[in-house]
Amino acid sequence: MTSTTGFYTFVRKNLVTWRNKKQDVMSRSSAKAEYRVMTHTTCEIVWIKNLLMELDFRQPGLMLIHCGNQSAIYITQNHVFH
């Protein structure tokens, strides 16, 4: 059984992009599924940041990713997994 995942991105307080879709790959754990979504979200953030730089719009500070799955957060913070 596949799950539905989604993410949205904001620039300052403005909604810029969002995605909600049924996963095409079945994961054995929710941590792996959440990690996969965080990877896609990171790619989206890099794309948005580059677009904003081309438009000469400087985003002050970091662009943050929020995730509620503690196991997925641990995987992203542990450099052994990369």
C-alpha atoms as a PDB file:
ATOM      1  CA  MET A   1       0.000   0.000   0.000  1.00  0.00           C
ATOM      2  CA  THR A   2       1.415   3.380  -0.983  1.00  0.00           C
ATOM      3  CA  SER A   3       0.880   6.526   0.998  1.00  0.00           C
ATOM      4  CA  THR A   4       0.106  10.087   0.044  1.00  0.00           C
ATOM      5  CA  THR A   5       2.753  12.685   0.733  1.00  0.00           C
ATOM      6  CA  GLY A   6       3.003  16.361   0.203  1.00  0.00           C
ATOM      7  CA  PHE A   7       4.993  19.485   0.821  1.00  0.00           C
ATOM      8  CA  TYR A   8       4.657  23.190   0.331  1.00  0.00           C
ATOM      9  CA  THR A   9       7.185  26.010   0.168  1.00  0.00           C
ATOM     10  CA  PHE A  10       6.909  29.570   1.341  1.00  0.00           C
ATOM     11  CA  VAL A  11       9.062  32.581   0.533  1.00  0.00           C
ATOM     12  CA  ARG A  12       8.699  34.814   3.538  1.00  0.00           C
ATOM     13  CA  LYS A  13       4.977  34.348   4.260  1.00  0.00           C
ATOM     14  CA  ASN A  14       3.868  33.713   0.668  1.00  0.00           C
ATOM     15  CA  LEU A  15       2.963  30.247  -0.593  1.00  0.00           C
ATOM     16  CA  VAL A  16       5.043  29.633  -3.731  1.00  0.00           C
ATOM     17  CA  THR A  17       4.749  25.937  -4.561  1.00  0.00           C
ATOM     18  CA  TRP A  18       3.015  22.853  -3.249  1.00  0.00           C
ATOM     19  CA  ARG A  19       2.796  19.219  -4.166  1.00  0.00           C
ATOM     20  CA  ASN A  20       0.530  16.471  -2.946  1.00  0.00           C
ATOM     21  CA  LYS A  21       0.719  13.079  -4.606  1.00  0.00           C
ATOM     22  CA  LYS A  22       0.438   9.385  -4.104  1.00  0.00           C
ATOM     23  CA  GLN A  23       3.889   7.840  -3.808  1.00  0.00           C
ATOM     24  CA  ASP A  24       4.845   5.700  -6.764  1.00  0.00           C
ATOM     25  CA  VAL A  25       7.401   3.757  -4.700  1.00  0.00           C
ATOM     26  CA  MET A  26       6.348   1.663  -1.745  1.00  0.00           C
ATOM     27  CA  SER A  27       8.559   2.187   1.304  1.00  0.00           C
ATOM     28  CA  ARG A  28       9.056  -0.353   4.051  1.00  0.00           C
ATOM     29  CA  SER A  29       9.111   2.349   6.711  1.00  0.00           C
ATOM     30  CA  SER A  30       7.589   5.758   7.257  1.00  0.00           C
ATOM     31  CA  ALA A  31      11.068   7.161   7.944  1.00  0.00           C
ATOM     32  CA  LYS A  32      12.198   6.157   4.472  1.00  0.00           C
ATOM     33  CA  ALA A  33       9.080   7.688   2.923  1.00  0.00           C
ATOM     34  CA  GLU A  34       9.556  10.924   4.885  1.00  0.00           C
ATOM     35  CA  TYR A  35      13.239  11.017   3.919  1.00  0.00           C
ATOM     36  CA  ARG A  36      12.265  10.669   0.253  1.00  0.00           C
ATOM     37  CA  VAL A  37       9.854  13.612   0.578  1.00  0.00           C
ATOM     38  CA  MET A  38      12.524  15.691   2.312  1.00  0.00           C
ATOM     39  CA  THR A  39      14.884  14.959  -0.585  1.00  0.00           C
ATOM     40  CA  HIS A  40      12.325  16.194  -3.123  1.00  0.00           C
ATOM     41  CA  THR A  41      11.615  19.234  -0.972  1.00  0.00           C
ATOM     42  CA  THR A  42      15.325  20.050  -0.827  1.00  0.00           C
ATOM     43  CA  CYS A  43      15.540  19.944  -4.626  1.00  0.00           C
ATOM     44  CA  GLU A  44      12.528  22.252  -4.823  1.00  0.00           C
ATOM     45  CA  ILE A  45      14.119  24.691  -2.353  1.00  0.00           C
ATOM     46  CA  VAL A  46      17.389  24.778  -4.307  1.00  0.00           C
ATOM     47  CA  TRP A  47      15.442  25.473  -7.515  1.00  0.00           C
ATOM     48  CA  ILE A  48      13.445  28.276  -5.854  1.00  0.00           C
ATOM     49  CA  LYS A  49      16.566  29.804  -4.318  1.00  0.00           C
ATOM     50  CA  ASN A  50      18.318  29.836  -7.718  1.00  0.00           C
ATOM     51  CA  LEU A  51      15.246  31.355  -9.384  1.00  0.00           C
ATOM     52  CA  LEU A  52      15.065  34.078  -6.746  1.00  0.00           C
ATOM     53  CA  MET A  53      18.769  34.850  -7.226  1.00  0.00           C
ATOM     54  CA  GLU A  54      18.227  35.176 -10.999  1.00  0.00           C
ATOM     55  CA  LEU A  55      15.396  37.612 -10.295  1.00  0.00           C
ATOM     56  CA  ASP A  56      17.788  39.548  -8.021  1.00  0.00           C
ATOM     57  CA  PHE A  57      15.689  38.760  -4.956  1.00  0.00           C
ATOM     58  CA  ARG A  58      17.859  37.968  -1.968  1.00  0.00           C
ATOM     59  CA  GLN A  59      16.369  35.635   0.616  1.00  0.00           C
ATOM     60  CA  PRO A  60      17.832  36.619   3.994  1.00  0.00           C
ATOM     61  CA  GLY A  61      18.763  33.690   6.180  1.00  0.00           C
ATOM     62  CA  LEU A  62      18.300  30.002   5.610  1.00  0.00           C
ATOM     63  CA  MET A  63      15.369  28.294   3.934  1.00  0.00           C
ATOM     64  CA  LEU A  64      14.088  25.794   6.506  1.00  0.00           C
ATOM     65  CA  ILE A  65      12.526  22.363   6.139  1.00  0.00           C
ATOM     66  CA  HIS A  66      10.133  21.204   8.846  1.00  0.00           C
ATOM     67  CA  CYS A  67       9.524  17.491   9.369  1.00  0.00           C
ATOM     68  CA  GLY A  68       7.608  15.701  12.101  1.00  0.00           C
ATOM     69  CA  ASN A  69       9.221  12.269  11.717  1.00  0.00           C
ATOM     70  CA  GLN A  70      12.101  11.960  14.211  1.00  0.00           C
ATOM     71  CA  SER A  71      13.664   8.985  12.410  1.00  0.00           C
ATOM     72  CA  ALA A  72      13.799  10.879   9.106  1.00  0.00           C
ATOM     73  CA  ILE A  73      15.348  13.880  10.871  1.00  0.00           C
ATOM     74  CA  TYR A  74      18.015  11.611  12.381  1.00  0.00           C
ATOM     75  CA  ILE A  75      18.817  10.146   8.959  1.00  0.00           C
ATOM     76  CA  THR A  76      19.291  13.617   7.443  1.00  0.00           C
ATOM     77  CA  GLN A  77      21.483  14.836  10.308  1.00  0.00           C
ATOM     78  CA  ASN A  78      23.722  11.758  10.427  1.00  0.00           C
ATOM     79  CA  HIS A  79      26.434  12.098   7.746  1.00  0.00           C
ATOM     80  CA  VAL A  80      27.168   8.365   7.838  1.00  0.00           C
ATOM     81  CA  PHE A  81      23.977   7.795   5.778  1.00  0.00           C
ATOM     82  CA  HIS A  82      25.076  10.140   2.965  1.00  0.00           C
END
